[in-house]
Amino acid sequence: DFPNGRAPLRHMIVKGLVRSGSTDAKQMAEDLAVRWIRTNYAAYKQIGQMHEKYNVANCGEFGGGGEYVPQAG
């Protein structure tokens, strides 16, 4: 579903990297978390809504495509 990203999947990836015990993995987890928060915040500032999925390739854009219109909320 690239370039779409969803919060639950992002959360699992970040938590798994943190729990790995690897310093490099923990740094990657922090980087992924910070980028996720930035794209959520940028999109919210732009359109005033949170969305269920975001475009992880372009900061501040919400996701699209798929079987239905993306949900705001």
Protein backbone atom coordinates (compact mmCIF):
# COMPACT_ATOMS: atom_id res chain seq x y z
CA ASP A 1 0.00 0.00 0.00
CA PHE A 2 3.07 2.25 -0.36
CA PRO A 3 3.28 5.19 0.02
CA ASN A 4 0.49 4.99 2.61
CA GLY A 5 1.37 4.63 6.27
CA ARG A 6 -0.96 3.95 9.19
CA ALA A 7 -0.50 4.66 12.89
CA PRO A 8 -0.97 1.08 14.20
CA LEU A 9 1.64 -0.35 11.84
CA ARG A 10 4.04 2.50 12.52
CA HIS A 11 3.60 1.93 16.25
CA MET A 12 4.40 -1.79 15.96
CA ILE A 13 7.52 -1.10 13.91
CA VAL A 14 8.80 1.55 16.32
CA LYS A 15 8.12 -0.60 19.41
CA GLY A 16 9.77 -3.63 17.82
CA LEU A 17 12.89 -1.66 16.95
CA VAL A 18 13.11 -0.21 20.46
CA ARG A 19 12.74 -3.65 22.05
CA SER A 20 15.43 -5.16 19.84
CA GLY A 21 18.14 -3.81 22.11
CA SER A 22 20.24 -2.62 19.18
CA THR A 23 21.50 0.96 19.39
CA ASP A 24 21.11 1.36 15.63
CA ALA A 25 17.56 -0.01 15.77
CA LYS A 26 16.65 2.37 18.59
CA GLN A 27 17.98 5.30 16.56
CA MET A 28 15.93 4.16 13.58
CA ALA A 29 12.85 3.89 15.81
CA GLU A 30 13.32 7.45 17.01
CA ASP A 31 13.79 8.69 13.44
CA LEU A 32 10.64 6.91 12.25
CA ALA A 33 8.61 8.20 15.19
CA VAL A 34 9.76 11.79 14.72
CA ARG A 35 9.04 11.71 10.99
CA TRP A 36 5.60 10.22 11.63
CA ILE A 37 4.71 12.94 14.14
CA ARG A 38 6.00 15.65 11.79
CA THR A 39 3.91 14.45 8.86
CA ASN A 40 0.80 14.18 11.06
CA TYR A 41 1.37 17.68 12.42
CA ALA A 42 2.10 19.18 8.99
CA ALA A 43 -1.06 17.66 7.51
CA TYR A 44 -3.14 18.83 10.48
CA LYS A 45 -1.83 22.38 10.18
CA GLN A 46 -2.63 22.38 6.49
CA ILE A 47 -6.15 20.93 6.52
CA GLY A 48 -7.25 21.00 10.17
CA GLN A 49 -8.01 17.27 10.40
CA MET A 50 -6.30 14.05 11.35
CA HIS A 51 -6.49 11.14 8.92
CA GLU A 52 -6.28 7.38 9.20
CA LYS A 53 -3.33 7.16 6.82
CA TYR A 54 -0.62 9.46 5.55
CA ASN A 55 1.70 9.54 2.58
CA VAL A 56 5.05 8.52 4.06
CA ALA A 57 6.95 9.67 0.96
CA ASN A 58 5.71 13.30 1.17
CA CYS A 59 5.58 14.96 4.56
CA GLY A 60 2.23 16.55 5.31
CA GLU A 61 0.14 14.69 2.75
CA PHE A 62 -2.58 12.29 3.77
CA GLY A 63 -2.82 8.89 2.12
CA GLY A 64 -5.00 7.86 -0.73
CA GLY A 65 -5.97 5.13 -3.10
CA GLY A 66 -7.16 1.74 -2.03
CA GLU A 67 -10.65 0.38 -1.74
CA TYR A 68 -12.31 3.48 -0.26
CA VAL A 69 -11.84 7.20 0.28
CA PRO A 70 -9.49 7.85 3.24
CA GLN A 71 -11.31 8.66 6.48
CA ALA A 72 -10.75 11.85 8.49
CA GLY A 73 -11.21 11.81 12.19
